[in-house]
Amino acid sequence: TKEARTRALVGKGFISQAELDVNVQELDAARAQVEVA
């Protein structure tokens, strides 16, 4: 959810690309944690 919201805001120029990169990394880590579980 956070990754989708941040991507939309970056598209409108409201936030920087760096924040999107952080949310993408958090999304990948969450997916890996699910595989571990």
PDB file of all heavy atoms in Angstrom:
ATOM      1  N   THR A   1       0.826  -1.215   0.000  1.00  0.00           N
ATOM      2  CA  THR A   1       0.000   0.000   0.000  1.00  0.00           C
ATOM      3  C   THR A   1       0.860   1.265   0.000  1.00  0.00           C
ATOM      4  O   THR A   1       0.618   2.229  -0.755  1.00  0.00           O
ATOM      5  CB  THR A   1      -0.931  -0.010   1.216  1.00  0.00           C
ATOM      6  OG1 THR A   1      -1.757  -1.179   1.176  1.00  0.00           O
ATOM      7  CG2 THR A   1      -1.812   1.231   1.236  1.00  0.00           C
ATOM      8  N   LYS A   2       1.882   1.289   0.860  1.00  0.00           N
ATOM      9  CA  LYS A   2       2.762   2.454   0.943  1.00  0.00           C
ATOM     10  C   LYS A   2       3.512   2.663  -0.379  1.00  0.00           C
ATOM     11  O   LYS A   2       3.674   3.802  -0.846  1.00  0.00           O
ATOM     12  CB  LYS A   2       3.771   2.259   2.074  1.00  0.00           C
ATOM     13  CG  LYS A   2       3.146   2.321   3.461  1.00  0.00           C
ATOM     14  CD  LYS A   2       4.157   2.048   4.538  1.00  0.00           C
ATOM     15  CE  LYS A   2       5.255   3.106   4.541  1.00  0.00           C
ATOM     16  NZ  LYS A   2       6.202   2.899   5.654  1.00  0.00           N
ATOM     17  N   GLU A   3       3.941   1.564  -0.986  1.00  0.00           N
ATOM     18  CA  GLU A   3       4.676   1.694  -2.243  1.00  0.00           C
ATOM     19  C   GLU A   3       3.798   2.264  -3.337  1.00  0.00           C
ATOM     20  O   GLU A   3       4.225   3.139  -4.130  1.00  0.00           O
ATOM     21  CB  GLU A   3       5.248   0.329  -2.642  1.00  0.00           C
ATOM     22  CG  GLU A   3       6.194   0.357  -3.824  1.00  0.00           C
ATOM     23  CD  GLU A   3       5.479   0.222  -5.152  1.00  0.00           C
ATOM     24  OE1 GLU A   3       4.321  -0.244  -5.161  1.00  0.00           O
ATOM     25  OE2 GLU A   3       6.084   0.565  -6.193  1.00  0.00           O
ATOM     26  N   ALA A   4       2.508   1.845  -3.382  1.00  0.00           N
ATOM     27  CA  ALA A   4       1.591   2.355  -4.413  1.00  0.00           C
ATOM     28  C   ALA A   4       1.288   3.833  -4.195  1.00  0.00           C
ATOM     29  O   ALA A   4       1.244   4.633  -5.152  1.00  0.00           O
ATOM     30  CB  ALA A   4       0.306   1.523  -4.393  1.00  0.00           C
ATOM     31  N   ARG A   5       1.079   4.239  -2.927  1.00  0.00           N
ATOM     32  CA  ARG A   5       0.778   5.635  -2.622  1.00  0.00           C
ATOM     33  C   ARG A   5       1.980   6.526  -2.967  1.00  0.00           C
ATOM     34  O   ARG A   5       1.834   7.595  -3.576  1.00  0.00           O
ATOM     35  CB  ARG A   5       0.423   5.788  -1.147  1.00  0.00           C
ATOM     36  CG  ARG A   5      -0.006   7.231  -0.800  1.00  0.00           C
ATOM     37  CD  ARG A   5      -0.253   7.380   0.706  1.00  0.00           C
ATOM     38  NE  ARG A   5      -1.254   6.430   1.176  1.00  0.00           N
ATOM     39  CZ  ARG A   5      -1.026   5.470   2.045  1.00  0.00           C
ATOM     40  NH1 ARG A   5       0.216   5.291   2.538  1.00  0.00           N
ATOM     41  NH2 ARG A   5      -1.989   4.661   2.439  1.00  0.00           N
ATOM     42  N   THR A   6       3.166   6.080  -2.596  1.00  0.00           N
ATOM     43  CA  THR A   6       4.365   6.894  -2.864  1.00  0.00           C
ATOM     44  C   THR A   6       4.620   7.022  -4.360  1.00  0.00           C
ATOM     45  O   THR A   6       5.000   8.099  -4.858  1.00  0.00           O
ATOM     46  CB  THR A   6       5.582   6.246  -2.184  1.00  0.00           C
ATOM     47  OG1 THR A   6       5.349   6.113  -0.801  1.00  0.00           O
ATOM     48  CG2 THR A   6       6.834   7.082  -2.409  1.00  0.00           C
ATOM     49  N   ARG A   7       4.375   5.998  -5.097  1.00  0.00           N
ATOM     50  CA  ARG A   7       4.587   6.039  -6.544  1.00  0.00           C
ATOM     51  C   ARG A   7       3.655   7.067  -7.197  1.00  0.00           C
ATOM     52  O   ARG A   7       4.034   7.804  -8.125  1.00  0.00           O
ATOM     53  CB  ARG A   7       4.388   4.654  -7.150  1.00  0.00           C
ATOM     54  CG  ARG A   7       4.799   4.543  -8.627  1.00  0.00           C
ATOM     55  CD  ARG A   7       4.648   3.113  -9.092  1.00  0.00           C
ATOM     56  NE  ARG A   7       5.562   2.210  -8.394  1.00  0.00           N
ATOM     57  CZ  ARG A   7       6.854   2.059  -8.719  1.00  0.00           C
ATOM     58  NH1 ARG A   7       7.370   2.760  -9.714  1.00  0.00           N
ATOM     59  NH2 ARG A   7       7.586   1.227  -8.037  1.00  0.00           N
ATOM     60  N   ALA A   8       2.393   7.123  -6.674  1.00  0.00           N
ATOM     61  CA  ALA A   8       1.444   8.102  -7.230  1.00  0.00           C
ATOM     62  C   ALA A   8       1.880   9.530  -6.931  1.00  0.00           C
ATOM     63  O   ALA A   8       1.791  10.431  -7.777  1.00  0.00           O
ATOM     64  CB  ALA A   8       0.053   7.836  -6.672  1.00  0.00           C
ATOM     65  N   LEU A   9       2.349   9.767  -5.708  1.00  0.00           N
ATOM     66  CA  LEU A   9       2.800  11.109  -5.334  1.00  0.00           C
ATOM     67  C   LEU A   9       4.051  11.540  -6.113  1.00  0.00           C
ATOM     68  O   LEU A   9       4.198  12.715  -6.491  1.00  0.00           O
ATOM     69  CB  LEU A   9       3.069  11.172  -3.839  1.00  0.00           C
ATOM     70  CG  LEU A   9       1.831  11.009  -2.927  1.00  0.00           C
ATOM     71  CD1 LEU A   9       2.231  10.957  -1.466  1.00  0.00           C
ATOM     72  CD2 LEU A   9       0.828  12.147  -3.190  1.00  0.00           C
ATOM     73  N   VAL A  10       4.934  10.610  -6.345  1.00  0.00           N
ATOM     74  CA  VAL A  10       6.126  10.941  -7.128  1.00  0.00           C
ATOM     75  C   VAL A  10       5.738  11.312  -8.556  1.00  0.00           C
ATOM     76  O   VAL A  10       6.308  12.232  -9.175  1.00  0.00           O
ATOM     77  CB  VAL A  10       7.116   9.756  -7.120  1.00  0.00           C
ATOM     78  CG1 VAL A  10       8.242   9.986  -8.138  1.00  0.00           C
ATOM     79  CG2 VAL A  10       7.705   9.562  -5.742  1.00  0.00           C
ATOM     80  N   GLY A  11       4.688  10.628  -9.067  1.00  0.00           N
ATOM     81  CA  GLY A  11       4.249  10.939 -10.426  1.00  0.00           C
ATOM     82  C   GLY A  11       3.695  12.350 -10.549  1.00  0.00           C
ATOM     83  O   GLY A  11       3.769  12.969 -11.610  1.00  0.00           O
ATOM     84  N   LYS A  12       3.125  12.845  -9.429  1.00  0.00           N
ATOM     85  CA  LYS A  12       2.574  14.216  -9.456  1.00  0.00           C
ATOM     86  C   LYS A  12       3.605  15.260  -9.022  1.00  0.00           C
ATOM     87  O   LYS A  12       3.310  16.449  -8.988  1.00  0.00           O
ATOM     88  CB  LYS A  12       1.360  14.283  -8.524  1.00  0.00           C
ATOM     89  CG  LYS A  12       0.205  13.427  -9.001  1.00  0.00           C
ATOM     90  CD  LYS A  12      -0.962  13.507  -8.051  1.00  0.00           C
ATOM     91  CE  LYS A  12      -2.127  12.640  -8.506  1.00  0.00           C
ATOM     92  NZ  LYS A  12      -3.280  12.723  -7.600  1.00  0.00           N
ATOM     93  N   GLY A  13       4.800  14.791  -8.627  1.00  0.00           N
ATOM     94  CA  GLY A  13       5.866  15.701  -8.243  1.00  0.00           C
ATOM     95  C   GLY A  13       5.767  16.213  -6.842  1.00  0.00           C
ATOM     96  O   GLY A  13       6.440  17.200  -6.498  1.00  0.00           O
ATOM     97  N   PHE A  14       4.954  15.598  -5.991  1.00  0.00           N
ATOM     98  CA  PHE A  14       4.803  16.087  -4.630  1.00  0.00           C
ATOM     99  C   PHE A  14       5.951  15.650  -3.715  1.00  0.00           C
ATOM    100  O   PHE A  14       6.256  16.339  -2.751  1.00  0.00           O
ATOM    101  CB  PHE A  14       3.479  15.615  -4.032  1.00  0.00           C
ATOM    102  CG  PHE A  14       2.273  16.234  -4.703  1.00  0.00           C
ATOM    103  CD1 PHE A  14       1.075  15.548  -4.776  1.00  0.00           C
ATOM    104  CD2 PHE A  14       2.353  17.505  -5.242  1.00  0.00           C
ATOM    105  CE1 PHE A  14      -0.038  16.120  -5.383  1.00  0.00           C
ATOM    106  CE2 PHE A  14       1.235  18.075  -5.852  1.00  0.00           C
ATOM    107  CZ  PHE A  14       0.025  17.400  -5.933  1.00  0.00           C
ATOM    108  N   ILE A  15       6.556  14.458  -3.977  1.00  0.00           N
ATOM    109  CA  ILE A  15       7.683  13.988  -3.163  1.00  0.00           C
ATOM    110  C   ILE A  15       8.818  13.546  -4.085  1.00  0.00           C
ATOM    111  O   ILE A  15       8.616  13.341  -5.295  1.00  0.00           O
ATOM    112  CB  ILE A  15       7.262  12.825  -2.234  1.00  0.00           C
ATOM    113  CG1 ILE A  15       6.711  11.634  -3.061  1.00  0.00           C
ATOM    114  CG2 ILE A  15       6.280  13.286  -1.197  1.00  0.00           C
ATOM    115  CD1 ILE A  15       6.356  10.455  -2.214  1.00  0.00           C
ATOM    116  N   SER A  16       9.986  13.359  -3.464  1.00  0.00           N
ATOM    117  CA  SER A  16      11.166  13.016  -4.259  1.00  0.00           C
ATOM    118  C   SER A  16      11.206  11.507  -4.593  1.00  0.00           C
ATOM    119  O   SER A  16      10.538  10.684  -3.973  1.00  0.00           O
ATOM    120  CB  SER A  16      12.430  13.406  -3.489  1.00  0.00           C
ATOM    121  OG  SER A  16      12.542  12.618  -2.313  1.00  0.00           O
ATOM    122  N   GLN A  17      12.062  11.199  -5.561  1.00  0.00           N
ATOM    123  CA  GLN A  17      12.241   9.811  -5.985  1.00  0.00           C
ATOM    124  C   GLN A  17      12.896   8.977  -4.885  1.00  0.00           C
ATOM    125  O   GLN A  17      12.673   7.759  -4.793  1.00  0.00           O
ATOM    126  CB  GLN A  17      13.125   9.773  -7.250  1.00  0.00           C
ATOM    127  CG  GLN A  17      13.387   8.380  -7.813  1.00  0.00           C
ATOM    128  CD  GLN A  17      12.132   7.723  -8.369  1.00  0.00           C
ATOM    129  OE1 GLN A  17      11.247   8.429  -8.893  1.00  0.00           O
ATOM    130  NE2 GLN A  17      12.038   6.409  -8.260  1.00  0.00           N
ATOM    131  N   ALA A  18      13.684   9.610  -4.012  1.00  0.00           N
ATOM    132  CA  ALA A  18      14.374   8.869  -2.954  1.00  0.00           C
ATOM    133  C   ALA A  18      13.398   8.178  -2.010  1.00  0.00           C
ATOM    134  O   ALA A  18      13.636   7.049  -1.550  1.00  0.00           O
ATOM    135  CB  ALA A  18      15.282   9.811  -2.161  1.00  0.00           C
ATOM    136  N   GLU A  19      12.272   8.881  -1.720  1.00  0.00           N
ATOM    137  CA  GLU A  19      11.294   8.249  -0.837  1.00  0.00           C
ATOM    138  C   GLU A  19      10.666   7.027  -1.491  1.00  0.00           C
ATOM    139  O   GLU A  19      10.359   6.036  -0.831  1.00  0.00           O
ATOM    140  CB  GLU A  19      10.227   9.261  -0.448  1.00  0.00           C
ATOM    141  CG  GLU A  19      10.733  10.391   0.435  1.00  0.00           C
ATOM    142  CD  GLU A  19       9.601  11.235   0.986  1.00  0.00           C
ATOM    143  OE1 GLU A  19       8.471  10.677   1.101  1.00  0.00           O
ATOM    144  OE2 GLU A  19       9.848  12.393   1.308  1.00  0.00           O
ATOM    145  N   LEU A  20      10.483   7.066  -2.787  1.00  0.00           N
ATOM    146  CA  LEU A  20       9.933   5.904  -3.495  1.00  0.00           C
ATOM    147  C   LEU A  20      10.901   4.722  -3.424  1.00  0.00           C
ATOM    148  O   LEU A  20      10.484   3.570  -3.244  1.00  0.00           O
ATOM    149  CB  LEU A  20       9.639   6.265  -4.949  1.00  0.00           C
ATOM    150  CG  LEU A  20       9.133   5.108  -5.838  1.00  0.00           C
ATOM    151  CD1 LEU A  20       7.830   4.529  -5.286  1.00  0.00           C
ATOM    152  CD2 LEU A  20       8.970   5.577  -7.285  1.00  0.00           C
ATOM    153  N   ASP A  21      12.188   5.022  -3.562  1.00  0.00           N
ATOM    154  CA  ASP A  21      13.182   3.945  -3.502  1.00  0.00           C
ATOM    155  C   ASP A  21      13.163   3.253  -2.141  1.00  0.00           C
ATOM    156  O   ASP A  21      13.303   2.024  -2.046  1.00  0.00           O
ATOM    157  CB  ASP A  21      14.575   4.510  -3.776  1.00  0.00           C
ATOM    158  CG  ASP A  21      14.730   5.009  -5.207  1.00  0.00           C
ATOM    159  OD1 ASP A  21      13.909   4.595  -6.061  1.00  0.00           O
ATOM    160  OD2 ASP A  21      15.657   5.802  -5.476  1.00  0.00           O
ATOM    161  N   VAL A  22      12.975   4.036  -1.071  1.00  0.00           N
ATOM    162  CA  VAL A  22      12.909   3.450   0.269  1.00  0.00           C
ATOM    163  C   VAL A  22      11.695   2.548   0.398  1.00  0.00           C
ATOM    164  O   VAL A  22      11.759   1.428   0.945  1.00  0.00           O
ATOM    165  CB  VAL A  22      12.880   4.546   1.337  1.00  0.00           C
ATOM    166  CG1 VAL A  22      12.616   3.942   2.728  1.00  0.00           C
ATOM    167  CG2 VAL A  22      14.180   5.328   1.349  1.00  0.00           C
ATOM    168  N   ASN A  23      10.542   2.985  -0.126  1.00  0.00           N
ATOM    169  CA  ASN A  23       9.325   2.166  -0.041  1.00  0.00           C
ATOM    170  C   ASN A  23       9.440   0.884  -0.874  1.00  0.00           C
ATOM    171  O   ASN A  23       8.925  -0.177  -0.472  1.00  0.00           O
ATOM    172  CB  ASN A  23       8.128   2.975  -0.504  1.00  0.00           C
ATOM    173  CG  ASN A  23       7.751   4.086   0.466  1.00  0.00           C
ATOM    174  OD1 ASN A  23       7.407   5.206   0.086  1.00  0.00           O
ATOM    175  ND2 ASN A  23       7.830   3.799   1.775  1.00  0.00           N
ATOM    176  N   VAL A  24      10.137   0.977  -2.004  1.00  0.00           N
ATOM    177  CA  VAL A  24      10.335  -0.232  -2.828  1.00  0.00           C
ATOM    178  C   VAL A  24      11.198  -1.254  -2.085  1.00  0.00           C
ATOM    179  O   VAL A  24      10.930  -2.472  -2.094  1.00  0.00           O
ATOM    180  CB  VAL A  24      10.972   0.143  -4.179  1.00  0.00           C
ATOM    181  CG1 VAL A  24      11.399  -1.119  -4.945  1.00  0.00           C
ATOM    182  CG2 VAL A  24       9.999   0.957  -5.016  1.00  0.00           C
ATOM    183  N   GLN A  25      12.251  -0.752  -1.396  1.00  0.00           N
ATOM    184  CA  GLN A  25      13.107  -1.662  -0.618  1.00  0.00           C
ATOM    185  C   GLN A  25      12.338  -2.308   0.510  1.00  0.00           C
ATOM    186  O   GLN A  25      12.494  -3.496   0.788  1.00  0.00           O
ATOM    187  CB  GLN A  25      14.306  -0.870  -0.077  1.00  0.00           C
ATOM    188  CG  GLN A  25      15.346  -1.704   0.660  1.00  0.00           C
ATOM    189  CD  GLN A  25      15.031  -1.876   2.132  1.00  0.00           C
ATOM    190  OE1 GLN A  25      14.340  -1.021   2.719  1.00  0.00           O
ATOM    191  NE2 GLN A  25      15.499  -2.978   2.718  1.00  0.00           N
ATOM    192  N   GLU A  26      11.458  -1.550   1.187  1.00  0.00           N
ATOM    193  CA  GLU A  26      10.648  -2.108   2.264  1.00  0.00           C
ATOM    194  C   GLU A  26       9.686  -3.168   1.729  1.00  0.00           C
ATOM    195  O   GLU A  26       9.430  -4.175   2.394  1.00  0.00           O
ATOM    196  CB  GLU A  26       9.887  -1.003   2.970  1.00  0.00           C
ATOM    197  CG  GLU A  26      10.775  -0.045   3.764  1.00  0.00           C
ATOM    198  CD  GLU A  26       9.990   1.101   4.372  1.00  0.00           C
ATOM    199  OE1 GLU A  26       8.786   1.235   4.011  1.00  0.00           O
ATOM    200  OE2 GLU A  26      10.542   1.843   5.190  1.00  0.00           O
ATOM    201  N   LEU A  27       9.160  -2.941   0.553  1.00  0.00           N
ATOM    202  CA  LEU A  27       8.252  -3.920  -0.058  1.00  0.00           C
ATOM    203  C   LEU A  27       8.982  -5.225  -0.364  1.00  0.00           C
ATOM    204  O   LEU A  27       8.477  -6.320  -0.086  1.00  0.00           O
ATOM    205  CB  LEU A  27       7.638  -3.343  -1.326  1.00  0.00           C
ATOM    206  CG  LEU A  27       6.724  -4.284  -2.124  1.00  0.00           C
ATOM    207  CD1 LEU A  27       5.549  -4.751  -1.273  1.00  0.00           C
ATOM    208  CD2 LEU A  27       6.247  -3.606  -3.414  1.00  0.00           C
ATOM    209  N   ASP A  28      10.201  -5.139  -0.907  1.00  0.00           N
ATOM    210  CA  ASP A  28      10.977  -6.352  -1.205  1.00  0.00           C
ATOM    211  C   ASP A  28      11.324  -7.112   0.073  1.00  0.00           C
ATOM    212  O   ASP A  28      11.280  -8.348   0.118  1.00  0.00           O
ATOM    213  CB  ASP A  28      12.259  -5.969  -1.959  1.00  0.00           C
ATOM    214  CG  ASP A  28      11.979  -5.436  -3.364  1.00  0.00           C
ATOM    215  OD1 ASP A  28      10.879  -5.724  -3.877  1.00  0.00           O
ATOM    216  OD2 ASP A  28      12.857  -4.758  -3.938  1.00  0.00           O
ATOM    217  N   ALA A  29      11.678  -6.366   1.125  1.00  0.00           N
ATOM    218  CA  ALA A  29      11.995  -7.019   2.397  1.00  0.00           C
ATOM    219  C   ALA A  29      10.781  -7.720   2.987  1.00  0.00           C
ATOM    220  O   ALA A  29      10.880  -8.819   3.558  1.00  0.00           O
ATOM    221  CB  ALA A  29      12.543  -6.002   3.385  1.00  0.00           C
ATOM    222  N   ALA A  30       9.605  -7.118   2.843  1.00  0.00           N
ATOM    223  CA  ALA A  30       8.382  -7.729   3.352  1.00  0.00           C
ATOM    224  C   ALA A  30       8.065  -9.022   2.604  1.00  0.00           C
ATOM    225  O   ALA A  30       7.620 -10.017   3.199  1.00  0.00           O
ATOM    226  CB  ALA A  30       7.222  -6.731   3.261  1.00  0.00           C
ATOM    227  N   ARG A  31       8.279  -8.979   1.301  1.00  0.00           N
ATOM    228  CA  ARG A  31       8.040 -10.203   0.515  1.00  0.00           C
ATOM    229  C   ARG A  31       9.011 -11.322   0.940  1.00  0.00           C
ATOM    230  O   ARG A  31       8.617 -12.493   1.055  1.00  0.00           O
ATOM    231  CB  ARG A  31       8.216  -9.894  -0.964  1.00  0.00           C
ATOM    232  CG  ARG A  31       7.072  -9.062  -1.557  1.00  0.00           C
ATOM    233  CD  ARG A  31       7.384  -8.627  -2.970  1.00  0.00           C
ATOM    234  NE  ARG A  31       6.246  -7.891  -3.563  1.00  0.00           N
ATOM    235  CZ  ARG A  31       6.316  -7.198  -4.697  1.00  0.00           C
ATOM    236  NH1 ARG A  31       7.481  -7.116  -5.354  1.00  0.00           N
ATOM    237  NH2 ARG A  31       5.255  -6.567  -5.161  1.00  0.00           N
ATOM    238  N   ALA A  32      10.281 -10.975   1.160  1.00  0.00           N
ATOM    239  CA  ALA A  32      11.255 -11.975   1.601  1.00  0.00           C
ATOM    240  C   ALA A  32      10.889 -12.542   2.968  1.00  0.00           C
ATOM    241  O   ALA A  32      11.054 -13.746   3.231  1.00  0.00           O
ATOM    242  CB  ALA A  32      12.651 -11.365   1.639  1.00  0.00           C
ATOM    243  N   GLN A  33      10.379 -11.669   3.837  1.00  0.00           N
ATOM    244  CA  GLN A  33      10.008 -12.126   5.177  1.00  0.00           C
ATOM    245  C   GLN A  33       8.849 -13.106   5.112  1.00  0.00           C
ATOM    246  O   GLN A  33       8.794 -14.084   5.885  1.00  0.00           O
ATOM    247  CB  GLN A  33       9.637 -10.926   6.042  1.00  0.00           C
ATOM    248  CG  GLN A  33       9.513 -11.243   7.532  1.00  0.00           C
ATOM    249  CD  GLN A  33      10.822 -11.733   8.131  1.00  0.00           C
ATOM    250  OE1 GLN A  33      11.888 -11.257   7.737  1.00  0.00           O
ATOM    251  NE2 GLN A  33      10.723 -12.677   9.052  1.00  0.00           N
ATOM    252  N   VAL A  34       7.943 -12.896   4.182  1.00  0.00           N
ATOM    253  CA  VAL A  34       6.845 -13.847   3.996  1.00  0.00           C
ATOM    254  C   VAL A  34       7.372 -15.205   3.548  1.00  0.00           C
ATOM    255  O   VAL A  34       6.908 -16.256   4.027  1.00  0.00           O
ATOM    256  CB  VAL A  34       5.823 -13.281   2.986  1.00  0.00           C
ATOM    257  CG1 VAL A  34       4.817 -14.369   2.575  1.00  0.00           C
ATOM    258  CG2 VAL A  34       5.077 -12.095   3.566  1.00  0.00           C
ATOM    259  N   GLU A  35       8.359 -15.232   2.640  1.00  0.00           N
ATOM    260  CA  GLU A  35       8.929 -16.503   2.175  1.00  0.00           C
ATOM    261  C   GLU A  35       9.624 -17.236   3.319  1.00  0.00           C
ATOM    262  O   GLU A  35       9.533 -18.465   3.435  1.00  0.00           O
ATOM    263  CB  GLU A  35       9.914 -16.244   1.034  1.00  0.00           C
ATOM    264  CG  GLU A  35       9.276 -15.660  -0.236  1.00  0.00           C
ATOM    265  CD  GLU A  35       8.208 -16.575  -0.789  1.00  0.00           C
ATOM    266  OE1 GLU A  35       8.396 -17.818  -0.751  1.00  0.00           O
ATOM    267  OE2 GLU A  35       7.180 -16.063  -1.265  1.00  0.00           O
ATOM    268  N   VAL A  36      10.325 -16.469   4.185  1.00  0.00           N
ATOM    269  CA  VAL A  36      10.979 -17.082   5.343  1.00  0.00           C
ATOM    270  C   VAL A  36       9.936 -17.703   6.277  1.00  0.00           C
ATOM    271  O   VAL A  36      10.113 -18.822   6.783  1.00  0.00           O
ATOM    272  CB  VAL A  36      11.827 -16.043   6.101  1.00  0.00           C
ATOM    273  CG1 VAL A  36      12.326 -16.615   7.430  1.00  0.00           C
ATOM    274  CG2 VAL A  36      13.006 -15.589   5.251  1.00  0.00           C
ATOM    275  N   ALA A  37       8.849 -16.999   6.501  1.00  0.00           N
ATOM    276  CA  ALA A  37       7.801 -17.522   7.377  1.00  0.00           C
ATOM    277  C   ALA A  37       7.150 -18.767   6.785  1.00  0.00           C
ATOM    278  O   ALA A  37       6.832 -19.727   7.522  1.00  0.00           O
ATOM    279  CB  ALA A  37       6.754 -16.434   7.630  1.00  0.00           C
TER     280      ALA A  37
END
